[in-house]
Amino acid sequence: MKIYISYFYQIRFMKPYMIPLSTAKHDPFWFHQGKGHNYQFKDKNGVWNGIRAEVFAPGPECEGLCSGIKNCVTANPQSCNFLATYRKQLDKLNFQEIMNRFEKLGKAVQKKEQFKEEPIIVLIVYETPYNPCSERGPLIDWFAANGYNLTEFNQN
């Protein structure tokens, strides 16, 4: 199974066989059509929106560690407490279990939607690939440490 990484804006360019999974603590209002965190729907392109990868959302240990890029004291991802803490959170996850979940989800969506293409999981973060202050870096590092290189999905 292929796994990509991208950001919320790019969902509008996805195909029905692509499954965007939010890794955010809080999703944009539109990602659930304003109907709450658990609401899922297919958009006009036939792409499922509203599915969350809760295990990748920053946990309680990360709470209050990021003030946003405009208020950042260090402005350096290498010395960012939030990103370091988030990476430690990822290290507690079982990679094979995550891959098994992705495989199961991909097959379930493929069966339900009856598409022939191989399902592609797309992990969604807020920031673009050009913003170094993002969970994207720790996610890419964690996957690489487990022998998997994430591909950036960017159709813009």
Foldseek 3Di string as FASTA:
>chain_A
DAEAEFADVCVVVDALLEAEAELEPDDPCVLQVVPDLQHWDQDPRNYIGNHYPPLNYQDPVLPPQDPDCVPDPPNDLVPRPNLVSSLVSLVVDDVVVVVVVVQVVSVVSCVVVVDDDRRYYYYHWHDGPVRSPTNVVSVQVSCVVVPDGHHYDDPD
